[in-house]
Amino acid sequence: MTKADIVNEVSKNTGIEKVTVQKTVEAFMETVKDSLVKDKNVYLRGFGSFIVKKRAKKTARNISKNTTIIIPEHFIPAFKPAKSFVNKVKNNVKR
């Protein structure tokens, strides 16, 4: 599902114009990004959490050049789904 699909679905379910829904979705995404950049996690009860994870410093190897490099400590954004969300997906997805 793409962002456009989400906008269409929310617009269809709520009766709100697509332009308004698109601005809302964009504003939500910007708010989440800005919060994570400021090292503030975002918690959405029943859905999940957008969090900042710390990656430790590590040594990596480039096998083709036979060299070793040090990857410094860094931070990455991550999503941790709520337990109720995980259980719903586990029990309802059929492949």
C-alpha atoms as a PDB file:
ATOM      1  CA  MET A   1       0.000   0.000   0.000  1.00  0.00           C
ATOM      2  CA  THR A   2       1.386   3.394  -0.990  1.00  0.00           C
ATOM      3  CA  LYS A   3       0.839   6.819   0.546  1.00  0.00           C
ATOM      4  CA  ALA A   4      -1.643   7.582  -2.261  1.00  0.00           C
ATOM      5  CA  ASP A   5      -3.560   4.393  -1.426  1.00  0.00           C
ATOM      6  CA  ILE A   6      -3.719   5.432   2.231  1.00  0.00           C
ATOM      7  CA  VAL A   7      -4.999   8.886   1.279  1.00  0.00           C
ATOM      8  CA  ASN A   8      -7.664   7.342  -0.973  1.00  0.00           C
ATOM      9  CA  GLU A   9      -8.768   4.863   1.710  1.00  0.00           C
ATOM     10  CA  VAL A  10      -8.982   7.475   4.491  1.00  0.00           C
ATOM     11  CA  SER A  11     -10.820   9.866   2.172  1.00  0.00           C
ATOM     12  CA  LYS A  12     -13.303   7.150   1.198  1.00  0.00           C
ATOM     13  CA  ASN A  13     -13.876   6.047   4.830  1.00  0.00           C
ATOM     14  CA  THR A  14     -14.254   9.529   6.319  1.00  0.00           C
ATOM     15  CA  GLY A  15     -15.753  11.578   3.491  1.00  0.00           C
ATOM     16  CA  ILE A  16     -12.982  14.165   3.822  1.00  0.00           C
ATOM     17  CA  GLU A  17     -11.505  15.574   0.608  1.00  0.00           C
ATOM     18  CA  LYS A  18      -8.350  13.863  -0.678  1.00  0.00           C
ATOM     19  CA  VAL A  19      -6.378  17.130  -0.633  1.00  0.00           C
ATOM     20  CA  THR A  20      -7.104  17.628   3.073  1.00  0.00           C
ATOM     21  CA  VAL A  21      -6.279  14.007   3.904  1.00  0.00           C
ATOM     22  CA  GLN A  22      -3.023  14.237   1.941  1.00  0.00           C
ATOM     23  CA  LYS A  23      -1.978  17.385   3.847  1.00  0.00           C
ATOM     24  CA  THR A  24      -2.822  15.633   7.130  1.00  0.00           C
ATOM     25  CA  VAL A  25      -0.826  12.511   6.253  1.00  0.00           C
ATOM     26  CA  GLU A  26       2.138  14.653   5.145  1.00  0.00           C
ATOM     27  CA  ALA A  27       1.941  16.700   8.362  1.00  0.00           C
ATOM     28  CA  PHE A  28       1.825  13.503  10.447  1.00  0.00           C
ATOM     29  CA  MET A  29       4.901  12.106   8.702  1.00  0.00           C
ATOM     30  CA  GLU A  30       6.816  15.386   9.114  1.00  0.00           C
ATOM     31  CA  THR A  31       5.897  15.531  12.798  1.00  0.00           C
ATOM     32  CA  VAL A  32       7.162  11.984  13.365  1.00  0.00           C
ATOM     33  CA  LYS A  33      10.401  12.716  11.479  1.00  0.00           C
ATOM     34  CA  ASP A  34      10.991  15.982  13.358  1.00  0.00           C
ATOM     35  CA  SER A  35      10.366  14.287  16.704  1.00  0.00           C
ATOM     36  CA  LEU A  36      12.829  11.486  15.949  1.00  0.00           C
ATOM     37  CA  VAL A  37      15.459  13.975  14.789  1.00  0.00           C
ATOM     38  CA  LYS A  38      15.058  15.696  18.182  1.00  0.00           C
ATOM     39  CA  ASP A  39      15.504  12.267  19.874  1.00  0.00           C
ATOM     40  CA  LYS A  40      11.883  12.160  21.022  1.00  0.00           C
ATOM     41  CA  ASN A  41      10.107   8.844  20.470  1.00  0.00           C
ATOM     42  CA  VAL A  42       6.516   8.783  19.193  1.00  0.00           C
ATOM     43  CA  TYR A  43       4.073   6.410  20.933  1.00  0.00           C
ATOM     44  CA  LEU A  44       0.737   5.511  19.315  1.00  0.00           C
ATOM     45  CA  ARG A  45      -1.235   3.285  21.682  1.00  0.00           C
ATOM     46  CA  GLY A  46      -2.591   0.175  19.969  1.00  0.00           C
ATOM     47  CA  PHE A  47      -0.466   0.784  16.871  1.00  0.00           C
ATOM     48  CA  GLY A  48       3.197   1.030  17.844  1.00  0.00           C
ATOM     49  CA  SER A  49       6.150   3.270  18.564  1.00  0.00           C
ATOM     50  CA  PHE A  50       8.515   5.149  16.306  1.00  0.00           C
ATOM     51  CA  ILE A  51      11.815   5.078  18.166  1.00  0.00           C
ATOM     52  CA  VAL A  52      15.459   6.005  17.716  1.00  0.00           C
ATOM     53  CA  LYS A  53      17.826   3.044  18.086  1.00  0.00           C
ATOM     54  CA  LYS A  54      21.507   3.311  18.877  1.00  0.00           C
ATOM     55  CA  ARG A  55      23.874   1.186  16.793  1.00  0.00           C
ATOM     56  CA  ALA A  56      27.182   0.432  18.500  1.00  0.00           C
ATOM     57  CA  LYS A  57      30.578   0.992  16.882  1.00  0.00           C
ATOM     58  CA  LYS A  58      31.682  -2.073  14.921  1.00  0.00           C
ATOM     59  CA  THR A  59      34.361  -3.377  12.624  1.00  0.00           C
ATOM     60  CA  ALA A  60      33.353  -4.334   9.096  1.00  0.00           C
ATOM     61  CA  ARG A  61      35.285  -6.004   6.315  1.00  0.00           C
ATOM     62  CA  ASN A  62      35.350  -5.387   2.596  1.00  0.00           C
ATOM     63  CA  ILE A  63      36.094  -8.911   1.389  1.00  0.00           C
ATOM     64  CA  SER A  64      36.852  -7.967  -2.222  1.00  0.00           C
ATOM     65  CA  LYS A  65      39.542  -5.441  -1.195  1.00  0.00           C
ATOM     66  CA  ASN A  66      40.550  -7.359   1.937  1.00  0.00           C
ATOM     67  CA  THR A  67      40.300  -4.219   4.068  1.00  0.00           C
ATOM     68  CA  THR A  68      38.796  -3.479   7.459  1.00  0.00           C
ATOM     69  CA  ILE A  69      36.858  -0.338   8.306  1.00  0.00           C
ATOM     70  CA  ILE A  70      35.411   0.974  11.549  1.00  0.00           C
ATOM     71  CA  ILE A  71      31.746   1.933  11.435  1.00  0.00           C
ATOM     72  CA  PRO A  72      31.185   4.534  14.158  1.00  0.00           C
ATOM     73  CA  GLU A  73      28.313   4.541  16.647  1.00  0.00           C
ATOM     74  CA  HIS A  74      25.179   5.945  14.995  1.00  0.00           C
ATOM     75  CA  PHE A  75      21.424   6.228  15.439  1.00  0.00           C
ATOM     76  CA  ILE A  76      18.663   4.899  13.197  1.00  0.00           C
ATOM     77  CA  PRO A  77      14.871   5.281  13.170  1.00  0.00           C
ATOM     78  CA  ALA A  78      12.845   2.155  13.902  1.00  0.00           C
ATOM     79  CA  PHE A  79       9.235   1.078  14.345  1.00  0.00           C
ATOM     80  CA  LYS A  80       8.140  -1.244  17.123  1.00  0.00           C
ATOM     81  CA  PRO A  81       4.565  -2.494  16.649  1.00  0.00           C
ATOM     82  CA  ALA A  82       2.193  -2.823  19.606  1.00  0.00           C
ATOM     83  CA  LYS A  83       1.497  -6.357  20.866  1.00  0.00           C
ATOM     84  CA  SER A  84      -2.177  -6.136  19.907  1.00  0.00           C
ATOM     85  CA  PHE A  85      -1.166  -5.076  16.377  1.00  0.00           C
ATOM     86  CA  VAL A  86       1.328  -7.960  16.068  1.00  0.00           C
ATOM     87  CA  ASN A  87      -1.234 -10.489  17.299  1.00  0.00           C
ATOM     88  CA  LYS A  88      -3.864  -9.216  14.869  1.00  0.00           C
ATOM     89  CA  VAL A  89      -1.458  -9.572  11.922  1.00  0.00           C
ATOM     90  CA  LYS A  90      -0.264 -13.014  13.095  1.00  0.00           C
ATOM     91  CA  ASN A  91      -3.789 -14.361  13.341  1.00  0.00           C
ATOM     92  CA  ASN A  92      -5.275 -12.836  10.197  1.00  0.00           C
ATOM     93  CA  VAL A  93      -2.653 -12.829   7.427  1.00  0.00           C
ATOM     94  CA  LYS A  94      -3.056 -15.763   5.076  1.00  0.00           C
ATOM     95  CA  ARG A  95      -0.435 -16.472   2.441  1.00  0.00           C
END
